[in-house]
């Protein structure tokens, strides 16, 4: 689990109706006084923490993939503009349309081939990077719900 500070106020109310001003336990919604020390609350908090970590890693992986894909398409458009002599802005507009994008290869003059790195099979594929945003905590953390 990554080191993050959990800064959420307790969602419980005091007997006089005012909100509790204590901080909730890590990953939970209530403080220790209002039941945050219970085993199931601590377990749910750890699960929530792990879910957030994976969600953040997935979002970062998607963003990296999108950036690589946009750069790849930009290089293809620039190459095609140089080869055909067309305006790169017009070609970029064609690339924005998914139907036109499929037939982009047809715009290449006869005898010209896509260079290495710009072929259709070189299109960046999505890969889940499980190490995005992780920091080493030194020793391995205990498993969730495992023996204590």
N, C-alpha and C. Protein backbone atom coordinates (compact mmCIF):
# COMPACT_ATOMS: atom_id res chain seq x y z
N UNK A 1 0.83 -1.17 0.00
CA UNK A 1 0.00 0.00 0.00
C UNK A 1 0.89 1.24 0.00
N UNK A 2 0.56 2.22 -0.79
CA UNK A 2 1.36 3.43 -0.82
C UNK A 2 1.10 4.27 0.43
N UNK A 3 2.06 5.09 0.76
CA UNK A 3 1.89 5.99 1.89
C UNK A 3 1.10 7.21 1.45
N UNK A 4 -0.08 7.34 2.02
CA UNK A 4 -0.90 8.51 1.76
C UNK A 4 -1.56 8.90 3.07
N UNK A 5 -1.79 10.16 3.23
CA UNK A 5 -2.44 10.63 4.44
C UNK A 5 -3.94 10.66 4.18
N UNK A 6 -4.68 10.02 5.04
CA UNK A 6 -6.12 9.99 4.91
C UNK A 6 -6.67 11.14 5.73
N UNK A 7 -7.18 12.15 5.09
CA UNK A 7 -7.70 13.32 5.78
C UNK A 7 -9.18 13.48 5.49
N UNK A 8 -9.98 12.69 6.18
CA UNK A 8 -11.42 12.82 6.05
C UNK A 8 -12.00 12.93 7.45
N UNK A 9 -12.94 13.83 7.63
CA UNK A 9 -13.56 13.94 8.96
C UNK A 9 -14.51 12.77 9.22
N UNK A 10 -14.73 12.49 10.47
CA UNK A 10 -15.66 11.43 10.87
C UNK A 10 -17.06 11.81 10.41
N UNK A 11 -17.79 10.85 9.86
CA UNK A 11 -19.14 11.14 9.35
C UNK A 11 -20.22 10.96 10.42
N UNK A 12 -19.85 10.52 11.62
CA UNK A 12 -20.83 10.29 12.69
C UNK A 12 -21.20 11.61 13.37
N UNK A 13 -22.27 11.56 14.14
CA UNK A 13 -22.75 12.73 14.90
C UNK A 13 -22.66 12.43 16.39
N UNK A 14 -22.45 13.47 17.15
CA UNK A 14 -22.42 13.33 18.60
C UNK A 14 -23.84 13.22 19.14
N UNK A 15 -23.96 12.96 20.44
CA UNK A 15 -25.28 12.81 21.05
C UNK A 15 -26.06 14.11 21.02
N UNK A 16 -25.38 15.25 20.97
CA UNK A 16 -26.08 16.54 20.92
C UNK A 16 -26.42 16.95 19.48
N UNK A 17 -26.12 16.11 18.49
CA UNK A 17 -26.48 16.39 17.11
C UNK A 17 -25.39 17.05 16.28
N UNK A 18 -24.33 17.52 16.92
CA UNK A 18 -23.24 18.16 16.19
C UNK A 18 -22.36 17.10 15.54
N UNK A 19 -21.71 17.44 14.43
CA UNK A 19 -20.82 16.45 13.80
C UNK A 19 -19.57 16.22 14.65
N UNK A 20 -19.09 15.00 14.59
CA UNK A 20 -17.85 14.65 15.29
C UNK A 20 -16.70 15.38 14.60
N UNK A 21 -15.77 15.94 15.37
CA UNK A 21 -14.68 16.71 14.77
C UNK A 21 -13.39 15.92 14.65
N UNK A 22 -13.44 14.63 14.96
CA UNK A 22 -12.23 13.80 14.87
C UNK A 22 -12.02 13.34 13.43
N UNK A 23 -10.79 12.87 13.15
CA UNK A 23 -10.48 12.35 11.82
C UNK A 23 -10.89 10.89 11.74
N UNK A 24 -11.37 10.49 10.58
CA UNK A 24 -11.75 9.09 10.36
C UNK A 24 -10.50 8.22 10.30
N UNK A 25 -10.67 6.93 10.60
CA UNK A 25 -9.54 6.01 10.51
C UNK A 25 -9.14 5.88 9.04
N UNK A 26 -7.94 5.43 8.81
CA UNK A 26 -7.42 5.33 7.45
C UNK A 26 -8.31 4.44 6.59
N UNK A 27 -8.83 5.01 5.52
CA UNK A 27 -9.68 4.28 4.60
C UNK A 27 -11.13 4.18 5.04
N UNK A 28 -11.45 4.59 6.26
CA UNK A 28 -12.81 4.47 6.77
C UNK A 28 -13.56 5.78 6.74
N UNK A 29 -14.78 5.74 7.27
CA UNK A 29 -15.62 6.92 7.29
C UNK A 29 -15.86 7.45 8.69
N UNK A 30 -15.50 6.65 9.71
CA UNK A 30 -15.72 7.07 11.10
C UNK A 30 -14.42 7.00 11.88
N UNK A 31 -14.41 7.70 13.02
CA UNK A 31 -13.22 7.71 13.88
C UNK A 31 -13.23 6.48 14.79
N UNK A 32 -12.21 6.33 15.60
CA UNK A 32 -12.08 5.18 16.49
C UNK A 32 -13.22 5.17 17.50
N UNK A 33 -13.61 6.33 17.98
CA UNK A 33 -14.67 6.42 18.98
C UNK A 33 -16.01 5.93 18.44
N UNK A 34 -16.28 6.17 17.19
CA UNK A 34 -17.56 5.81 16.60
C UNK A 34 -17.51 4.48 15.84
N UNK A 35 -16.57 3.63 16.14
CA UNK A 35 -16.56 2.29 15.57
C UNK A 35 -15.47 2.05 14.54
N UNK A 36 -14.55 2.97 14.37
CA UNK A 36 -13.50 2.81 13.38
C UNK A 36 -12.47 1.78 13.73
N UNK A 37 -12.43 1.37 15.00
CA UNK A 37 -11.44 0.37 15.42
C UNK A 37 -11.94 -1.05 15.18
N UNK A 38 -13.18 -1.21 14.76
CA UNK A 38 -13.72 -2.55 14.51
C UNK A 38 -12.97 -3.21 13.36
N UNK A 39 -12.87 -4.51 13.44
CA UNK A 39 -12.09 -5.26 12.46
C UNK A 39 -12.63 -5.09 11.04
N UNK A 40 -13.96 -5.16 10.89
CA UNK A 40 -14.54 -5.04 9.55
C UNK A 40 -14.37 -3.64 8.98
N UNK A 41 -14.33 -2.62 9.83
CA UNK A 41 -14.13 -1.25 9.35
C UNK A 41 -12.69 -1.08 8.88
N UNK A 42 -11.75 -1.62 9.65
CA UNK A 42 -10.34 -1.54 9.24
C UNK A 42 -10.11 -2.30 7.94
N UNK A 43 -10.74 -3.47 7.80
CA UNK A 43 -10.61 -4.26 6.57
C UNK A 43 -11.19 -3.50 5.38
N UNK A 44 -12.38 -2.93 5.55
CA UNK A 44 -13.01 -2.15 4.47
C UNK A 44 -12.15 -0.95 4.10
N UNK A 45 -11.51 -0.34 5.09
CA UNK A 45 -10.62 0.79 4.82
C UNK A 45 -9.41 0.38 4.00
N UNK A 46 -8.85 -0.76 4.31
CA UNK A 46 -7.71 -1.25 3.54
C UNK A 46 -8.11 -1.58 2.11
N UNK A 47 -9.28 -2.19 1.96
CA UNK A 47 -9.78 -2.52 0.62
C UNK A 47 -9.98 -1.24 -0.18
N UNK A 48 -10.57 -0.22 0.44
CA UNK A 48 -10.78 1.06 -0.23
C UNK A 48 -9.45 1.67 -0.67
N UNK A 49 -8.46 1.59 0.20
CA UNK A 49 -7.14 2.13 -0.12
C UNK A 49 -6.54 1.42 -1.34
N UNK A 50 -6.63 0.09 -1.36
CA UNK A 50 -6.08 -0.68 -2.47
C UNK A 50 -6.84 -0.38 -3.76
N UNK A 51 -8.17 -0.27 -3.67
CA UNK A 51 -8.96 0.07 -4.85
C UNK A 51 -8.56 1.42 -5.42
N UNK A 52 -8.37 2.40 -4.56
CA UNK A 52 -7.95 3.72 -5.03
C UNK A 52 -6.58 3.65 -5.69
N UNK A 53 -5.70 2.85 -5.13
CA UNK A 53 -4.35 2.72 -5.70
C UNK A 53 -4.42 2.12 -7.10
N UNK A 54 -5.20 1.05 -7.26
CA UNK A 54 -5.32 0.43 -8.59
C UNK A 54 -6.03 1.35 -9.58
N UNK A 55 -7.05 2.07 -9.10
CA UNK A 55 -7.75 3.01 -9.98
C UNK A 55 -6.79 4.10 -10.47
N UNK A 56 -5.95 4.60 -9.57
CA UNK A 56 -4.98 5.63 -9.95
C UNK A 56 -3.95 5.07 -10.94
N UNK A 57 -3.50 3.84 -10.72
CA UNK A 57 -2.55 3.21 -11.64
C UNK A 57 -3.18 2.99 -13.00
N UNK A 58 -4.44 2.57 -13.03
CA UNK A 58 -5.13 2.35 -14.30
C UNK A 58 -5.29 3.66 -15.06
N UNK A 59 -5.71 4.71 -14.36
CA UNK A 59 -5.88 6.02 -15.01
C UNK A 59 -4.55 6.53 -15.55
N UNK A 60 -3.47 6.34 -14.80
CA UNK A 60 -2.16 6.77 -15.28
C UNK A 60 -1.73 5.96 -16.50
N UNK A 61 -2.03 4.66 -16.51
CA UNK A 61 -1.69 3.82 -17.66
C UNK A 61 -2.48 4.24 -18.90
N UNK A 62 -3.75 4.55 -18.73
CA UNK A 62 -4.57 5.00 -19.85
C UNK A 62 -4.03 6.32 -20.39
N UNK A 63 -3.65 7.22 -19.51
CA UNK A 63 -3.10 8.51 -19.96
C UNK A 63 -1.79 8.33 -20.72
N UNK A 64 -0.92 7.43 -20.24
CA UNK A 64 0.34 7.17 -20.95
C UNK A 64 0.06 6.58 -22.33
N UNK A 65 -0.90 5.64 -22.41
CA UNK A 65 -1.25 5.03 -23.69
C UNK A 65 -1.81 6.06 -24.66
N UNK A 66 -2.69 6.93 -24.17
CA UNK A 66 -3.26 7.97 -25.04
C UNK A 66 -2.17 8.90 -25.56
N UNK A 67 -1.25 9.28 -24.70
CA UNK A 67 -0.16 10.16 -25.14
C UNK A 67 0.69 9.50 -26.23
N UNK A 68 1.03 8.21 -26.04
CA UNK A 68 1.81 7.50 -27.05
C UNK A 68 1.05 7.37 -28.35
N UNK A 69 -0.27 7.12 -28.26
CA UNK A 69 -1.10 6.97 -29.45
C UNK A 69 -1.19 8.29 -30.22
N UNK A 70 -1.36 9.39 -29.52
CA UNK A 70 -1.45 10.70 -30.19
C UNK A 70 -0.13 11.03 -30.87
N UNK A 71 0.98 10.77 -30.19
CA UNK A 71 2.29 11.03 -30.80
C UNK A 71 2.51 10.16 -32.03
N UNK A 72 2.07 8.91 -31.97
CA UNK A 72 2.21 8.00 -33.10
C UNK A 72 1.40 8.50 -34.29
N UNK A 73 0.16 8.90 -34.05
CA UNK A 73 -0.67 9.44 -35.13
C UNK A 73 -0.10 10.73 -35.69
N UNK A 74 0.45 11.57 -34.82
CA UNK A 74 1.05 12.83 -35.30
C UNK A 74 2.23 12.55 -36.21
N UNK A 75 3.07 11.58 -35.84
CA UNK A 75 4.20 11.22 -36.70
C UNK A 75 3.72 10.67 -38.04
N UNK A 76 2.64 9.88 -38.03
CA UNK A 76 2.08 9.36 -39.28
C UNK A 76 1.57 10.48 -40.17
N UNK A 77 0.89 11.46 -39.58
CA UNK A 77 0.35 12.58 -40.35
C UNK A 77 1.47 13.41 -40.94
N UNK A 78 2.51 13.66 -40.15
CA UNK A 78 3.64 14.45 -40.65
C UNK A 78 4.33 13.72 -41.80
N UNK A 79 4.53 12.41 -41.66
CA UNK A 79 5.16 11.64 -42.73
C UNK A 79 4.30 11.68 -43.99
N UNK A 80 3.00 11.47 -43.83
CA UNK A 80 2.10 11.47 -44.98
C UNK A 80 2.05 12.84 -45.64
N UNK A 81 2.09 13.90 -44.87
CA UNK A 81 2.08 15.25 -45.44
C UNK A 81 3.35 15.50 -46.24
N UNK A 82 4.48 15.02 -45.75
CA UNK A 82 5.75 15.20 -46.47
C UNK A 82 5.74 14.41 -47.78
N UNK A 83 5.21 13.20 -47.75
CA UNK A 83 5.22 12.34 -48.93
C UNK A 83 4.24 12.84 -50.00
N UNK A 84 3.03 13.21 -49.58
CA UNK A 84 2.00 13.61 -50.55
C UNK A 84 2.05 15.09 -50.90
N UNK A 85 2.67 15.91 -50.08
CA UNK A 85 2.71 17.34 -50.32
C UNK A 85 1.44 18.06 -49.89
N UNK A 86 0.54 17.35 -49.20
CA UNK A 86 -0.69 17.96 -48.71
C UNK A 86 -0.42 18.74 -47.43
N UNK A 87 -1.41 19.54 -47.06
CA UNK A 87 -1.32 20.31 -45.82
C UNK A 87 -1.53 19.35 -44.65
N UNK A 88 -0.67 19.45 -43.65
CA UNK A 88 -0.78 18.53 -42.51
C UNK A 88 -2.04 18.81 -41.69
N UNK A 89 -2.56 20.04 -41.70
CA UNK A 89 -3.79 20.34 -40.96
C UNK A 89 -4.98 19.61 -41.57
N UNK A 90 -5.03 19.54 -42.91
CA UNK A 90 -6.13 18.81 -43.56
C UNK A 90 -6.04 17.31 -43.27
N UNK A 91 -4.84 16.81 -43.29
CA UNK A 91 -4.65 15.39 -42.96
C UNK A 91 -5.01 15.11 -41.51
N UNK A 92 -4.66 16.03 -40.62
CA UNK A 92 -4.98 15.85 -39.20
C UNK A 92 -6.49 15.84 -39.01
N UNK A 93 -7.22 16.63 -39.79
CA UNK A 93 -8.68 16.62 -39.71
C UNK A 93 -9.22 15.27 -40.17
N UNK A 94 -8.59 14.67 -41.17
CA UNK A 94 -9.02 13.34 -41.62
C UNK A 94 -8.76 12.29 -40.55
N UNK A 95 -7.65 12.43 -39.87
CA UNK A 95 -7.31 11.47 -38.81
C UNK A 95 -8.30 11.58 -37.65
N UNK A 96 -8.84 12.78 -37.42
CA UNK A 96 -9.81 12.96 -36.34
C UNK A 96 -11.10 12.18 -36.61
N UNK A 97 -11.41 11.95 -37.88
CA UNK A 97 -12.61 11.19 -38.24
C UNK A 97 -12.25 9.70 -38.27
N UNK A 98 -12.89 8.87 -37.44
CA UNK A 98 -12.52 7.45 -37.38
C UNK A 98 -12.72 6.70 -38.69
N UNK A 99 -13.70 7.10 -39.49
CA UNK A 99 -13.93 6.41 -40.77
C UNK A 99 -12.80 6.72 -41.74
N UNK A 100 -12.41 7.97 -41.81
CA UNK A 100 -11.30 8.36 -42.70
C UNK A 100 -9.98 7.76 -42.23
N UNK A 101 -9.83 7.59 -40.93
CA UNK A 101 -8.58 7.06 -40.38
C UNK A 101 -8.29 5.66 -40.91
N UNK A 102 -9.35 4.88 -41.15
CA UNK A 102 -9.17 3.51 -41.63
C UNK A 102 -8.53 3.48 -43.01
N UNK A 103 -8.81 4.51 -43.82
CA UNK A 103 -8.32 4.53 -45.19
C UNK A 103 -7.13 5.46 -45.38
N UNK A 104 -6.46 5.80 -44.29
CA UNK A 104 -5.31 6.69 -44.36
C UNK A 104 -4.19 6.06 -45.19
N UNK A 105 -4.07 4.74 -45.14
CA UNK A 105 -3.02 4.05 -45.90
C UNK A 105 -3.21 4.24 -47.39
N UNK A 106 -4.47 4.45 -47.82
CA UNK A 106 -4.74 4.59 -49.26
C UNK A 106 -4.21 5.90 -49.83
N UNK A 107 -3.89 6.85 -48.97
CA UNK A 107 -3.38 8.14 -49.42
C UNK A 107 -1.89 8.08 -49.79
N UNK A 108 -1.23 6.99 -49.41
CA UNK A 108 0.20 6.86 -49.74
C UNK A 108 0.36 6.67 -51.24
N UNK A 109 1.32 7.35 -51.85
CA UNK A 109 1.59 7.13 -53.28
C UNK A 109 2.09 5.71 -53.53
N UNK A 110 1.98 5.25 -54.76
CA UNK A 110 2.44 3.91 -55.11
C UNK A 110 3.94 3.78 -54.86
N UNK A 111 4.34 2.67 -54.30
CA UNK A 111 5.75 2.40 -54.06
C UNK A 111 6.26 2.94 -52.73
N UNK A 112 5.49 3.78 -52.05
CA UNK A 112 5.91 4.32 -50.76
C UNK A 112 5.28 3.47 -49.66
N UNK A 113 6.11 3.12 -48.68
CA UNK A 113 5.63 2.30 -47.57
C UNK A 113 5.84 3.07 -46.28
N UNK A 114 5.06 2.71 -45.29
CA UNK A 114 5.25 3.34 -43.97
C UNK A 114 6.60 2.91 -43.42
N UNK A 115 7.36 3.83 -42.85
CA UNK A 115 8.65 3.45 -42.24
C UNK A 115 8.42 2.71 -40.93
N UNK A 116 9.48 2.12 -40.45
CA UNK A 116 9.40 1.38 -39.19
C UNK A 116 8.94 2.32 -38.08
N UNK A 117 8.07 1.82 -37.25
CA UNK A 117 7.53 2.61 -36.16
C UNK A 117 6.23 3.30 -36.51
N UNK A 118 5.91 3.40 -37.80
CA UNK A 118 4.68 4.06 -38.22
C UNK A 118 3.69 3.11 -38.89
N UNK A 119 4.04 1.85 -38.97
CA UNK A 119 3.14 0.88 -39.59
C UNK A 119 1.94 0.62 -38.68
N UNK A 120 0.90 0.04 -39.25
CA UNK A 120 -0.31 -0.23 -38.47
C UNK A 120 -0.04 -1.19 -37.32
N UNK A 121 0.84 -2.15 -37.55
CA UNK A 121 1.14 -3.11 -36.48
C UNK A 121 1.99 -2.49 -35.37
N UNK A 122 2.55 -1.30 -35.62
CA UNK A 122 3.35 -0.61 -34.60
C UNK A 122 2.52 0.32 -33.74
N UNK A 123 1.19 0.33 -33.95
CA UNK A 123 0.33 1.20 -33.15
C UNK A 123 0.45 0.83 -31.68
N UNK A 124 0.62 1.82 -30.80
CA UNK A 124 0.78 1.53 -29.37
C UNK A 124 -0.43 0.80 -28.80
N UNK A 125 -0.17 -0.26 -28.07
CA UNK A 125 -1.22 -1.04 -27.43
C UNK A 125 -1.28 -0.68 -25.95
N UNK A 126 -2.46 -0.84 -25.39
CA UNK A 126 -2.63 -0.52 -23.97
C UNK A 126 -2.01 -1.60 -23.10
N UNK A 127 -1.24 -1.17 -22.13
CA UNK A 127 -0.63 -2.08 -21.16
C UNK A 127 -0.84 -1.48 -19.78
N UNK A 128 -1.26 -2.29 -18.84
CA UNK A 128 -1.45 -1.81 -17.48
C UNK A 128 -0.10 -1.76 -16.78
N UNK A 129 0.32 -0.56 -16.44
CA UNK A 129 1.58 -0.37 -15.74
C UNK A 129 1.28 -0.42 -14.25
N UNK A 130 1.67 -1.49 -13.61
CA UNK A 130 1.34 -1.68 -12.20
C UNK A 130 2.30 -0.96 -11.26
N UNK A 131 3.24 -0.22 -11.78
CA UNK A 131 4.22 0.43 -10.92
C UNK A 131 4.13 1.95 -10.99
N UNK A 132 3.06 2.46 -11.56
CA UNK A 132 2.91 3.91 -11.68
C UNK A 132 2.56 4.48 -10.33
N UNK A 133 3.30 5.45 -9.89
CA UNK A 133 3.00 6.14 -8.65
C UNK A 133 3.29 5.37 -7.38
N UNK A 134 3.96 4.26 -7.48
CA UNK A 134 4.25 3.48 -6.28
C UNK A 134 5.57 3.91 -5.68
N UNK A 135 5.60 3.90 -4.36
CA UNK A 135 6.84 4.16 -3.65
C UNK A 135 7.15 2.95 -2.78
N UNK A 136 8.39 2.65 -2.66
CA UNK A 136 8.77 1.51 -1.84
C UNK A 136 8.61 1.88 -0.36
N UNK A 137 8.02 0.99 0.41
CA UNK A 137 7.82 1.24 1.83
C UNK A 137 8.87 0.53 2.68
N UNK A 138 9.88 -0.03 2.07
CA UNK A 138 10.88 -0.77 2.82
C UNK A 138 10.50 -2.23 2.88
N UNK A 139 9.77 -2.62 3.91
CA UNK A 139 9.38 -4.02 4.02
C UNK A 139 8.02 -4.24 3.37
N UNK A 140 7.73 -5.48 3.07
CA UNK A 140 6.48 -5.82 2.40
C UNK A 140 5.33 -5.71 3.40
N UNK A 141 4.23 -5.02 3.02
CA UNK A 141 3.10 -4.90 3.95
C UNK A 141 2.37 -6.22 4.13
N UNK A 142 1.68 -6.34 5.27
CA UNK A 142 0.90 -7.56 5.52
C UNK A 142 -0.24 -7.64 4.55
N UNK A 143 -0.65 -8.87 4.26
CA UNK A 143 -1.76 -9.06 3.33
C UNK A 143 -3.07 -8.65 4.01
N UNK A 144 -4.02 -8.26 3.20
CA UNK A 144 -5.30 -7.83 3.75
C UNK A 144 -6.08 -9.04 4.23
N UNK A 145 -6.54 -8.97 5.46
CA UNK A 145 -7.36 -10.05 5.99
C UNK A 145 -6.59 -11.29 6.38
N UNK A 146 -5.28 -11.26 6.26
CA UNK A 146 -4.47 -12.42 6.58
C UNK A 146 -4.21 -12.55 8.06
N UNK A 147 -3.39 -13.49 8.45
CA UNK A 147 -3.07 -13.66 9.87
C UNK A 147 -2.30 -12.46 10.40
N UNK A 148 -2.51 -12.18 11.67
CA UNK A 148 -1.86 -11.00 12.29
C UNK A 148 -0.62 -11.36 13.00
